[in-house]
Amino acid sequence: MPGFHPKTLLDRLFEIGIVLKGLDGVGELVAGCFVLFLRPATISRLVVILTRGELTEDPRDFVATRLVAAAHRLDAHSLTFVAIYLLAHGVIKVVLVLAILRDKLWAYPWMIAALVAFIGYQVYEYVIDPRLSLLLLTLFDIAVTALTVREYRVQRRPPHRSAPRAGQ
């Protein structure tokens, strides 16, 4: 069939990665809105309630004790920063993912630039506080960036046209 090109594994991985980035963006928008309207004391109480069972079982639980300590250190300025950070990330991801899913060629370089910026910040954060979750997120973003670069190159190629036959 003219114009039909079967999707490769890399095409499918790109689509999955982009959709996951979009869902991640939606999650960040929801979390950013949630954080925007909470007070530090409310978050602290919520964390204490959520970790109470674990800390009753093991008062030195690594994750629970750190969550409680972090919640007690929160102030209004840090919550505002977190909310703005989440909302900005979410808006950028959702807008760019929607544009890419609508085949807008301009969105590819912007997505690549945004992902590279996110990766840079994540590496900085990882150096300060190494966490497996941050490492995995960074590796995922690197993979999505590489797939986006590949897809952008494919999208920019002119459509394949067959050579004109003799006499035409």
Protein backbone atom coordinates (compact mmCIF):
# COMPACT_ATOMS: atom_id res chain seq x y z
CA MET A 1 0.00 0.00 0.00
CA PRO A 2 1.38 3.43 -0.86
CA GLY A 3 2.13 5.55 2.21
CA PHE A 4 1.72 2.64 4.65
CA HIS A 5 4.66 2.08 6.94
CA PRO A 6 4.34 -0.55 9.67
CA LYS A 7 5.23 0.68 13.14
CA THR A 8 8.50 -0.51 14.57
CA LEU A 9 9.23 -1.35 18.18
CA LEU A 10 10.89 2.06 18.55
CA ASP A 11 7.76 3.76 17.20
CA ARG A 12 5.65 1.96 19.78
CA LEU A 13 8.10 2.74 22.59
CA PHE A 14 8.03 6.41 21.58
CA GLU A 15 4.22 6.46 21.70
CA ILE A 16 4.16 4.72 25.09
CA GLY A 17 6.83 7.07 26.47
CA ILE A 18 5.01 10.17 25.24
CA VAL A 19 1.68 9.01 26.66
CA LEU A 20 3.37 8.24 30.01
CA LYS A 21 4.93 11.73 29.98
CA GLY A 22 1.46 13.17 29.34
CA LEU A 23 -0.03 11.19 32.22
CA ASP A 24 2.88 12.28 34.40
CA GLY A 25 2.09 15.88 33.44
CA VAL A 26 -1.57 15.47 34.37
CA GLY A 27 -0.50 13.96 37.70
CA GLU A 28 1.80 16.93 38.32
CA LEU A 29 -1.03 19.36 37.54
CA VAL A 30 -3.33 17.61 40.01
CA ALA A 31 -0.61 17.42 42.67
CA GLY A 32 0.36 21.06 42.09
CA CYS A 33 -3.23 22.21 42.54
CA PHE A 34 -3.55 20.06 45.65
CA VAL A 35 -0.33 21.42 47.19
CA LEU A 36 -1.23 24.99 46.27
CA PHE A 37 -4.22 24.95 48.62
CA LEU A 38 -2.67 23.10 51.56
CA ARG A 39 -1.03 24.58 54.61
CA PRO A 40 2.19 23.07 56.01
CA ALA A 41 0.42 22.01 59.23
CA THR A 42 -2.21 20.13 57.21
CA ILE A 43 0.44 18.23 55.26
CA SER A 44 2.33 17.45 58.46
CA ARG A 45 -0.82 16.03 60.09
CA LEU A 46 -1.63 14.01 56.94
CA VAL A 47 1.87 12.51 56.83
CA VAL A 48 1.71 11.62 60.53
CA ILE A 49 -1.65 9.88 59.98
CA LEU A 50 -0.40 8.01 56.89
CA THR A 51 2.82 6.82 58.57
CA ARG A 52 1.37 6.06 62.01
CA GLY A 53 0.84 2.35 61.32
CA GLU A 54 4.31 1.83 59.92
CA LEU A 55 5.98 3.74 62.74
CA THR A 56 3.99 1.77 65.33
CA GLU A 57 5.32 -1.42 63.76
CA ASP A 58 8.89 -0.08 63.34
CA PRO A 59 9.65 3.28 64.97
CA ARG A 60 12.91 3.53 62.97
CA ASP A 61 11.36 2.84 59.53
CA PHE A 62 13.66 4.58 57.02
CA VAL A 63 10.99 5.99 54.70
CA ALA A 64 8.37 6.87 57.31
CA THR A 65 10.77 8.71 59.62
CA ARG A 66 12.14 10.76 56.74
CA LEU A 67 8.65 11.62 55.48
CA VAL A 68 7.61 12.83 58.92
CA ALA A 69 10.82 14.86 59.34
CA ALA A 70 10.40 16.43 55.88
CA ALA A 71 6.75 17.27 56.57
CA HIS A 72 7.69 19.00 59.84
CA ARG A 73 10.28 21.13 58.00
CA LEU A 74 7.77 22.42 55.43
CA ASP A 75 6.91 26.09 55.36
CA ALA A 76 4.60 28.19 53.17
CA HIS A 77 7.45 29.29 50.86
CA SER A 78 8.65 25.75 50.17
CA LEU A 79 5.06 24.63 49.50
CA THR A 80 4.58 27.50 47.06
CA PHE A 81 7.80 26.49 45.29
CA VAL A 82 6.68 22.85 45.09
CA ALA A 83 3.25 23.89 43.76
CA ILE A 84 4.71 26.20 41.10
CA TYR A 85 7.30 23.56 40.15
CA LEU A 86 4.64 20.86 39.74
CA LEU A 87 2.24 23.14 37.86
CA ALA A 88 4.94 24.38 35.49
CA HIS A 89 6.19 20.85 34.79
CA GLY A 90 2.65 19.64 34.29
CA VAL A 91 1.63 22.40 31.90
CA ILE A 92 4.80 22.03 29.83
CA LYS A 93 4.43 18.25 29.55
CA VAL A 94 0.71 18.24 28.80
CA VAL A 95 0.92 20.99 26.15
CA LEU A 96 3.90 19.41 24.40
CA VAL A 97 2.52 15.86 24.55
CA LEU A 98 -0.83 16.99 23.11
CA ALA A 99 0.96 18.86 20.33
CA ILE A 100 3.13 15.83 19.50
CA LEU A 101 0.11 13.53 19.50
CA ARG A 102 -1.46 15.97 17.01
CA ASP A 103 1.66 15.72 14.80
CA LYS A 104 2.79 19.31 15.39
CA LEU A 105 6.41 19.30 14.22
CA TRP A 106 7.30 22.42 16.27
CA ALA A 107 6.64 20.53 19.51
CA TYR A 108 9.44 17.99 19.07
CA PRO A 109 12.38 20.39 19.63
CA TRP A 110 10.54 21.98 22.54
CA MET A 111 9.89 18.56 24.10
CA ILE A 112 13.55 17.64 23.65
CA ALA A 113 14.67 20.91 25.25
CA ALA A 114 12.22 20.52 28.16
CA LEU A 115 13.31 16.94 28.80
CA VAL A 116 16.99 17.91 28.70
CA ALA A 117 16.28 20.69 31.23
CA PHE A 118 14.35 18.26 33.47
CA ILE A 119 17.18 15.73 33.20
CA GLY A 120 19.73 18.39 34.14
CA TYR A 121 17.76 19.36 37.23
CA GLN A 122 17.19 15.71 38.17
CA VAL A 123 20.94 14.99 37.92
CA TYR A 124 21.60 17.99 40.16
CA GLU A 125 19.03 16.70 42.67
CA TYR A 126 20.49 13.18 42.45
CA VAL A 127 23.99 14.47 43.27
CA ILE A 128 22.58 16.21 46.36
CA ASP A 129 20.26 13.39 47.45
CA PRO A 130 20.73 10.08 45.57
CA ARG A 131 17.43 8.20 45.34
CA LEU A 132 16.59 5.18 43.24
CA SER A 133 13.27 6.72 42.16
CA LEU A 134 15.04 9.83 40.85
CA LEU A 135 17.62 7.70 39.03
CA LEU A 136 14.86 5.64 37.37
CA LEU A 137 12.93 8.78 36.39
CA THR A 138 16.09 10.29 34.90
CA LEU A 139 16.85 7.12 32.92
CA PHE A 140 13.25 7.09 31.66
CA ASP A 141 13.54 10.75 30.61
CA ILE A 142 16.81 10.02 28.80
CA ALA A 143 15.12 7.16 26.91
CA VAL A 144 12.10 9.32 25.99
CA THR A 145 14.44 12.11 24.86
CA ALA A 146 16.37 9.72 22.59
CA LEU A 147 13.12 8.35 21.17
CA THR A 148 11.80 11.88 20.63
CA VAL A 149 14.98 12.88 18.76
CA ARG A 150 14.62 9.77 16.58
CA GLU A 151 10.94 10.44 15.89
CA TYR A 152 11.64 14.10 15.08
CA ARG A 153 14.20 13.04 12.49
CA VAL A 154 11.71 10.58 10.99
CA GLN A 155 8.95 13.20 10.90
CA ARG A 156 11.22 15.76 9.21
CA ARG A 157 12.14 13.40 6.37
CA PRO A 158 10.33 14.14 3.14
CA PRO A 159 7.82 11.44 2.20
CA HIS A 160 9.33 8.64 0.15
CA ARG A 161 8.39 8.98 -3.48
CA SER A 162 9.01 6.36 -6.06
CA ALA A 163 11.31 7.30 -8.92
CA PRO A 164 9.45 8.41 -12.05
CA ARG A 165 9.14 5.70 -14.65
CA ALA A 166 10.82 6.06 -18.01
CA GLY A 167 8.71 8.09 -20.42
CA GLN A 168 6.85 10.03 -17.68
